[in-house]
Amino acid sequence: MATTTATPLDTKAEAKAAKKKEPKPSFNQRWMDKKGWVRRFPLLPALVFTIILTQIPFLATIIISFMNWEANYPNEIAFGTLNNYVTVFTDPALRSSVFFTVVLTVTVVLVSLALGLGISLLLNRNFFGRGAVRTMMITPFLIVPVAAALLWKHAIYNPVYGLLNGLLTWVGGPQPDWITQFPRLAIEVQLIWYWTPFMTLILLAGLQSRPGDILEAAAVDGASPWQTFRNITMPHMRRYLELGGLLGSIYVLQTFDTVFVMTAGSLGTANLPFTVYETLYSAQNYGLASAQGVVVVIFSIAIATFLLRTVSTLFEES
């Protein structure tokens, strides 16, 4: 007499179906659940502190962004106007800063992710002195951003005694003024140098978390290194690439130190954070500066969402 046994897949499918059939508790039931409050109560102080520290100032910024508030005209403060947002999207200088902010963020994040993936693949191999090399690779990210910008401005980009022109002198090459002639590229290269170690750390952690049994099975089956990388490593690295792209987009979008130190926003390198600084401290237009700050937050969310969906789409297609 033949007997049948349920496979693990069938058991999982039945468990999922049973969970779907179970009615979900209503909001009132979850709100009155004493066990839930026992778990949530220790987190309430941190939640309240976070709301006070972040959300209330942001709400105040949104309110001020709808106000005509200039320090030079204290008697003309008015509420309920959209002129600040109209200025943000119609002023040519502001449009230029928005465009450069997007280009800077996308370029730095994508290049840093690509370089970080390549370096992490190399550092994941066994070789003599691997620990020392890993420590040296993350050193740039440990430098204070202002100090890193000063280092590149004076020690590398300087047309008289900088490292780049010194190397070009040995080969008889030209002596360009890098910041003056290539201001945007100079900032992008410096930020890529600074953020690549950050991406390397995240992606190296992802590589070291790959399941060893699957890699061994692929090697036994005769999979080439490229097949292993394409079919095993890259799908596994998806969440780490998304995390690196998300965090990198948020941080690079808020870059202020490098722009302020290297070019002071001149030569078309003023991004949104620097423009907010100039509007607030130079023009003392609090309403317009608040509107620009709100736009920075919106761009942060939009760019992060776009990168996450792009990476997800690429992996789904592959």
Protein backbone atom coordinates (compact mmCIF):
# COMPACT_ATOMS: atom_id res chain seq x y z
CA MET A 1 0.00 0.00 0.00
CA ALA A 2 1.55 3.29 -1.09
CA THR A 3 1.82 6.09 1.41
CA THR A 4 2.39 9.73 0.70
CA THR A 5 4.25 12.20 2.87
CA ALA A 6 3.98 15.94 2.76
CA THR A 7 7.06 17.67 1.42
CA PRO A 8 8.58 20.67 3.20
CA LEU A 9 7.33 22.89 0.40
CA ASP A 10 3.77 21.67 0.89
CA THR A 11 4.05 22.27 4.65
CA LYS A 12 5.26 25.84 4.11
CA ALA A 13 2.48 26.51 1.60
CA GLU A 14 -0.13 25.21 4.04
CA ALA A 15 1.28 27.36 6.84
CA LYS A 16 1.16 30.47 4.64
CA ALA A 17 -2.43 29.68 3.62
CA ALA A 18 -3.41 29.23 7.25
CA LYS A 19 -1.90 32.59 8.15
CA LYS A 20 -3.82 34.28 5.34
CA LYS A 21 -7.10 32.77 6.55
CA GLU A 22 -6.58 34.00 10.12
CA PRO A 23 -8.39 37.31 10.63
CA LYS A 24 -6.08 40.21 11.38
CA PRO A 25 -6.74 42.00 14.67
CA SER A 26 -8.27 45.42 14.35
CA PHE A 27 -6.49 48.62 15.32
CA ASN A 28 -8.47 48.86 18.57
CA GLN A 29 -7.54 45.31 19.48
CA ARG A 30 -3.87 45.97 18.84
CA TRP A 31 -4.07 49.28 20.73
CA MET A 32 -5.65 47.64 23.81
CA ASP A 33 -3.33 44.65 23.75
CA LYS A 34 -1.45 44.72 27.07
CA LYS A 35 1.30 42.43 25.82
CA GLY A 36 1.95 44.78 22.92
CA TRP A 37 2.26 47.74 25.28
CA VAL A 38 4.70 45.82 27.45
CA ARG A 39 6.93 45.48 24.39
CA ARG A 40 6.42 49.05 23.21
CA PHE A 41 6.67 50.92 26.50
CA PRO A 42 10.49 50.73 26.83
CA LEU A 43 10.78 52.31 23.37
CA LEU A 44 8.50 55.28 24.10
CA PRO A 45 11.20 57.57 25.59
CA ALA A 46 13.40 57.09 22.53
CA LEU A 47 10.42 57.67 20.22
CA VAL A 48 9.41 60.88 22.03
CA PHE A 49 13.00 62.13 22.00
CA THR A 50 13.30 61.42 18.26
CA ILE A 51 10.04 63.23 17.50
CA ILE A 52 11.09 66.27 19.52
CA LEU A 53 14.56 66.35 18.02
CA THR A 54 13.69 65.76 14.34
CA GLN A 55 10.03 66.01 13.46
CA ILE A 56 9.07 69.19 15.34
CA PRO A 57 11.95 71.23 13.79
CA PHE A 58 11.07 69.84 10.37
CA LEU A 59 7.41 70.79 10.88
CA ALA A 60 8.54 74.28 11.86
CA THR A 61 10.69 74.43 8.72
CA ILE A 62 7.67 73.55 6.58
CA ILE A 63 5.60 76.26 8.23
CA ILE A 64 8.32 78.90 7.78
CA SER A 65 8.73 77.86 4.13
CA PHE A 66 5.24 79.31 3.47
CA MET A 67 6.18 82.63 5.06
CA ASN A 68 7.60 85.79 3.57
CA TRP A 69 10.25 86.24 6.27
CA GLU A 70 13.37 88.29 5.62
CA ALA A 71 15.51 89.61 8.46
CA ASN A 72 16.09 92.88 6.60
CA TYR A 73 12.32 93.54 6.41
CA PRO A 74 10.91 92.52 9.81
CA ASN A 75 7.68 94.48 9.30
CA GLU A 76 6.74 92.59 6.13
CA ILE A 77 6.45 89.09 7.57
CA ALA A 78 3.45 87.33 6.03
CA PHE A 79 2.08 83.77 6.04
CA GLY A 80 0.29 81.74 3.41
CA THR A 81 2.37 82.37 0.31
CA LEU A 82 3.85 80.01 -2.25
CA ASN A 83 6.34 82.56 -3.56
CA ASN A 84 9.27 80.79 -1.90
CA TYR A 85 8.61 77.53 -3.75
CA VAL A 86 7.98 79.40 -6.99
CA THR A 87 11.38 81.06 -6.56
CA VAL A 88 13.08 77.73 -5.86
CA PHE A 89 11.92 76.25 -9.19
CA THR A 90 12.07 79.38 -11.37
CA ASP A 91 15.29 81.10 -10.33
CA PRO A 92 18.05 80.07 -12.83
CA ALA A 93 20.70 79.96 -10.10
CA LEU A 94 18.56 77.66 -7.97
CA ARG A 95 17.74 75.43 -10.93
CA SER A 96 21.46 75.14 -11.61
CA SER A 97 22.10 74.11 -8.00
CA VAL A 98 19.32 71.53 -8.15
CA PHE A 99 20.72 70.07 -11.37
CA PHE A 100 24.26 69.91 -10.00
CA THR A 101 22.99 68.32 -6.78
CA VAL A 102 21.31 65.52 -8.72
CA VAL A 103 24.31 64.97 -11.02
CA LEU A 104 26.73 65.01 -8.08
CA THR A 105 24.70 62.56 -6.03
CA VAL A 106 24.07 60.05 -8.83
CA THR A 107 27.67 60.17 -10.10
CA VAL A 108 29.32 59.79 -6.69
CA VAL A 109 27.00 57.02 -5.50
CA LEU A 110 27.15 54.90 -8.66
CA VAL A 111 30.92 55.21 -9.13
CA SER A 112 31.57 54.61 -5.43
CA LEU A 113 29.38 51.50 -5.50
CA ALA A 114 31.18 50.14 -8.58
CA LEU A 115 34.63 50.79 -7.13
CA GLY A 116 33.56 49.51 -3.72
CA LEU A 117 32.31 46.26 -5.24
CA GLY A 118 35.57 45.71 -7.13
CA ILE A 119 37.74 46.51 -4.11
CA SER A 120 35.63 44.35 -1.79
CA LEU A 121 36.01 41.40 -4.19
CA LEU A 122 39.79 41.84 -4.04
CA LEU A 123 39.86 42.24 -0.25
CA ASN A 124 37.72 39.15 0.18
CA ARG A 125 40.57 36.99 -1.14
CA ASN A 126 43.24 35.44 1.08
CA PHE A 127 46.64 37.11 0.78
CA PHE A 128 49.49 38.18 3.05
CA GLY A 129 48.77 41.40 4.92
CA ARG A 130 45.06 41.42 4.16
CA GLY A 131 44.20 42.94 7.53
CA ALA A 132 46.62 45.83 7.07
CA VAL A 133 45.35 46.49 3.55
CA ARG A 134 41.73 46.51 4.75
CA THR A 135 42.61 49.02 7.47
CA MET A 136 44.37 51.30 4.98
CA MET A 137 41.45 51.08 2.55
CA ILE A 138 38.96 52.46 5.09
CA THR A 139 41.31 55.24 6.28
CA PRO A 140 39.96 57.94 3.89
CA PHE A 141 36.48 57.58 5.35
CA LEU A 142 37.86 58.21 8.85
CA ILE A 143 39.23 61.63 7.91
CA VAL A 144 37.18 64.68 8.87
CA PRO A 145 35.37 65.90 5.69
CA VAL A 146 36.80 69.42 5.96
CA ALA A 147 40.32 68.05 6.37
CA ALA A 148 39.84 65.75 3.38
CA ALA A 149 38.66 68.66 1.23
CA LEU A 150 41.64 70.78 2.30
CA LEU A 151 43.98 67.89 1.53
CA TRP A 152 42.69 67.56 -2.01
CA LYS A 153 42.54 71.31 -2.58
CA HIS A 154 46.12 72.07 -1.52
CA ALA A 155 48.08 68.82 -1.67
CA ILE A 156 46.63 67.31 -4.85
CA TYR A 157 44.86 69.94 -6.96
CA ASN A 158 47.14 72.93 -6.34
CA PRO A 159 48.58 74.05 -9.72
CA VAL A 160 51.95 75.05 -8.24
CA TYR A 161 52.90 72.35 -5.71
CA GLY A 162 50.05 69.83 -6.04
CA LEU A 163 50.63 66.10 -6.54
CA LEU A 164 48.83 65.87 -9.89
CA ASN A 165 50.79 68.65 -11.55
CA GLY A 166 53.97 67.30 -9.99
CA LEU A 167 53.40 63.95 -11.70
CA LEU A 168 52.59 65.72 -14.97
CA THR A 169 55.86 67.68 -14.70
CA TRP A 170 57.86 64.43 -14.71
CA VAL A 171 56.28 63.34 -17.99
CA GLY A 172 56.33 66.80 -19.56
CA GLY A 173 52.57 67.22 -19.46
CA PRO A 174 50.45 70.38 -19.08
CA GLN A 175 49.95 72.18 -15.78
CA PRO A 176 46.21 72.81 -15.48
CA ASP A 177 44.49 74.55 -12.60
CA TRP A 178 42.23 71.65 -11.74
CA ILE A 179 39.70 73.45 -9.55
CA THR A 180 39.38 76.43 -11.87
CA GLN A 181 39.18 74.49 -15.14
CA PHE A 182 37.32 71.38 -13.91
CA PRO A 183 35.50 72.50 -10.74
CA ARG A 184 32.64 69.99 -10.81
CA LEU A 185 34.87 67.08 -11.76
CA ALA A 186 37.29 68.01 -8.97
CA ILE A 187 34.52 67.86 -6.38
CA GLU A 188 33.12 64.59 -7.76
CA VAL A 189 36.53 62.87 -7.71
CA GLN A 190 37.19 63.99 -4.14
CA LEU A 191 33.81 62.72 -2.95
CA ILE A 192 34.25 59.42 -4.80
CA TRP A 193 37.61 58.97 -3.04
CA TYR A 194 35.95 59.73 0.29
CA TRP A 195 32.86 57.51 -0.07
CA THR A 196 34.38 54.48 -1.79
CA PRO A 197 35.71 53.03 1.51
CA PHE A 198 32.22 53.33 3.01
CA MET A 199 30.74 51.33 0.14
CA THR A 200 33.62 48.85 0.37
CA LEU A 201 32.86 48.16 4.04
CA ILE A 202 29.19 47.48 3.36
CA LEU A 203 29.82 45.27 0.33
CA LEU A 204 32.69 43.40 2.00
CA ALA A 205 30.36 42.51 4.85
CA GLY A 206 27.91 41.20 2.25
CA LEU A 207 30.54 39.09 0.54
CA GLN A 208 31.60 37.52 3.83
CA SER A 209 28.01 36.56 4.60
CA ARG A 210 27.62 34.43 1.47
CA PRO A 211 26.61 30.82 2.27
CA GLY A 212 29.72 28.67 1.94
CA ASP A 213 27.84 25.46 1.11
CA ILE A 214 26.28 27.05 -1.97
CA LEU A 215 29.67 28.28 -3.19
CA GLU A 216 31.16 24.83 -2.64
CA ALA A 217 28.28 23.22 -4.54
CA ALA A 218 28.77 25.61 -7.44
CA ALA A 219 32.49 24.80 -7.55
CA VAL A 220 31.75 21.05 -7.52
CA ASP A 221 29.26 21.50 -10.37
CA GLY A 222 31.98 23.17 -12.44
CA ALA A 223 30.64 26.72 -12.38
CA SER A 224 33.12 29.29 -13.67
CA PRO A 225 34.05 32.32 -11.52
CA TRP A 226 31.90 34.55 -13.73
CA GLN A 227 28.89 32.22 -13.40
CA THR A 228 29.33 32.11 -9.63
CA PHE A 229 29.57 35.88 -9.47
CA ARG A 230 26.59 36.46 -11.76
CA ASN A 231 24.20 33.84 -10.41
CA ILE A 232 25.16 33.60 -6.72
CA THR A 233 27.18 36.61 -5.58
CA MET A 234 25.23 39.40 -7.26
CA PRO A 235 21.74 38.23 -6.17
CA HIS A 236 23.09 37.85 -2.64
CA MET A 237 24.62 41.34 -2.76
CA ARG A 238 21.36 43.00 -3.76
CA ARG A 239 20.38 44.12 -0.27
CA TYR A 240 23.88 45.44 0.42
CA LEU A 241 23.97 47.39 -2.83
CA GLU A 242 20.57 48.85 -2.02
CA LEU A 243 21.74 49.79 1.47
CA GLY A 244 24.91 51.43 0.14
CA GLY A 245 22.97 53.31 -2.53
CA LEU A 246 20.35 54.48 -0.04
CA LEU A 247 22.79 55.71 2.61
CA GLY A 248 25.17 57.16 0.04
CA SER A 249 22.38 59.11 -1.66
CA ILE A 250 21.22 60.63 1.60
CA TYR A 251 24.71 61.61 2.75
CA VAL A 252 26.08 62.84 -0.58
CA LEU A 253 22.94 64.89 -1.18
CA GLN A 254 23.74 66.75 2.05
CA THR A 255 27.35 67.51 1.07
CA PHE A 256 28.38 70.95 2.24
CA ASP A 257 31.97 70.78 3.51
CA THR A 258 33.63 69.91 0.22
CA VAL A 259 31.81 72.57 -1.78
CA PHE A 260 32.43 75.25 0.84
CA VAL A 261 36.16 74.48 1.22
CA MET A 262 37.14 73.78 -2.38
CA THR A 263 35.15 76.29 -4.42
CA ALA A 264 32.91 78.26 -2.00
CA GLY A 265 30.03 77.53 -4.37
CA SER A 266 31.59 79.40 -7.31
CA LEU A 267 32.15 78.18 -10.88
CA GLY A 268 28.74 76.49 -10.98
CA THR A 269 29.42 74.14 -8.04
CA ALA A 270 26.80 75.44 -5.62
CA ASN A 271 24.58 72.52 -4.60
CA LEU A 272 21.36 72.75 -2.63
CA PRO A 273 22.87 72.59 0.89
CA PHE A 274 25.33 75.36 0.01
CA THR A 275 22.53 77.40 -1.57
CA VAL A 276 20.47 77.03 1.62
CA TYR A 277 23.49 78.26 3.61
CA GLU A 278 23.95 81.29 1.37
CA THR A 279 20.25 82.15 1.45
CA LEU A 280 20.06 81.88 5.23
CA TYR A 281 23.30 83.54 6.31
CA SER A 282 24.05 85.89 3.44
CA ALA A 283 20.61 86.98 2.23
CA GLN A 284 18.97 86.23 5.63
CA ASN A 285 15.82 85.11 3.85
CA TYR A 286 14.44 82.57 6.30
CA GLY A 287 11.34 81.70 4.31
CA LEU A 288 13.22 80.96 1.08
CA ALA A 289 15.94 79.05 2.95
CA SER A 290 13.28 76.88 4.63
CA ALA A 291 11.66 76.15 1.27
CA GLN A 292 15.04 75.14 -0.14
CA GLY A 293 15.57 72.86 2.87
CA VAL A 294 12.23 71.17 2.29
CA VAL A 295 13.18 70.64 -1.35
CA VAL A 296 16.46 69.04 -0.22
CA VAL A 297 14.52 66.54 1.90
CA ILE A 298 12.16 65.77 -0.98
CA PHE A 299 15.08 65.23 -3.35
CA SER A 300 16.73 62.94 -0.79
CA ILE A 301 13.65 60.73 -0.66
CA ALA A 302 13.12 60.84 -4.44
CA ILE A 303 16.71 59.94 -5.35
CA ALA A 304 16.91 57.18 -2.75
CA THR A 305 13.63 55.70 -3.97
CA PHE A 306 14.73 55.91 -7.61
CA LEU A 307 18.02 54.14 -6.89
CA LEU A 308 16.33 51.40 -4.88
CA ARG A 309 13.77 50.73 -7.62
CA THR A 310 16.44 50.81 -10.32
CA VAL A 311 18.58 48.25 -8.53
CA SER A 312 15.54 46.09 -7.80
CA THR A 313 14.47 46.19 -11.46
CA LEU A 314 17.92 45.17 -12.65
CA PHE A 315 17.99 42.18 -10.35
CA GLU A 316 14.45 41.13 -11.30
CA GLU A 317 15.41 41.25 -15.00
CA SER A 318 18.53 39.19 -14.40
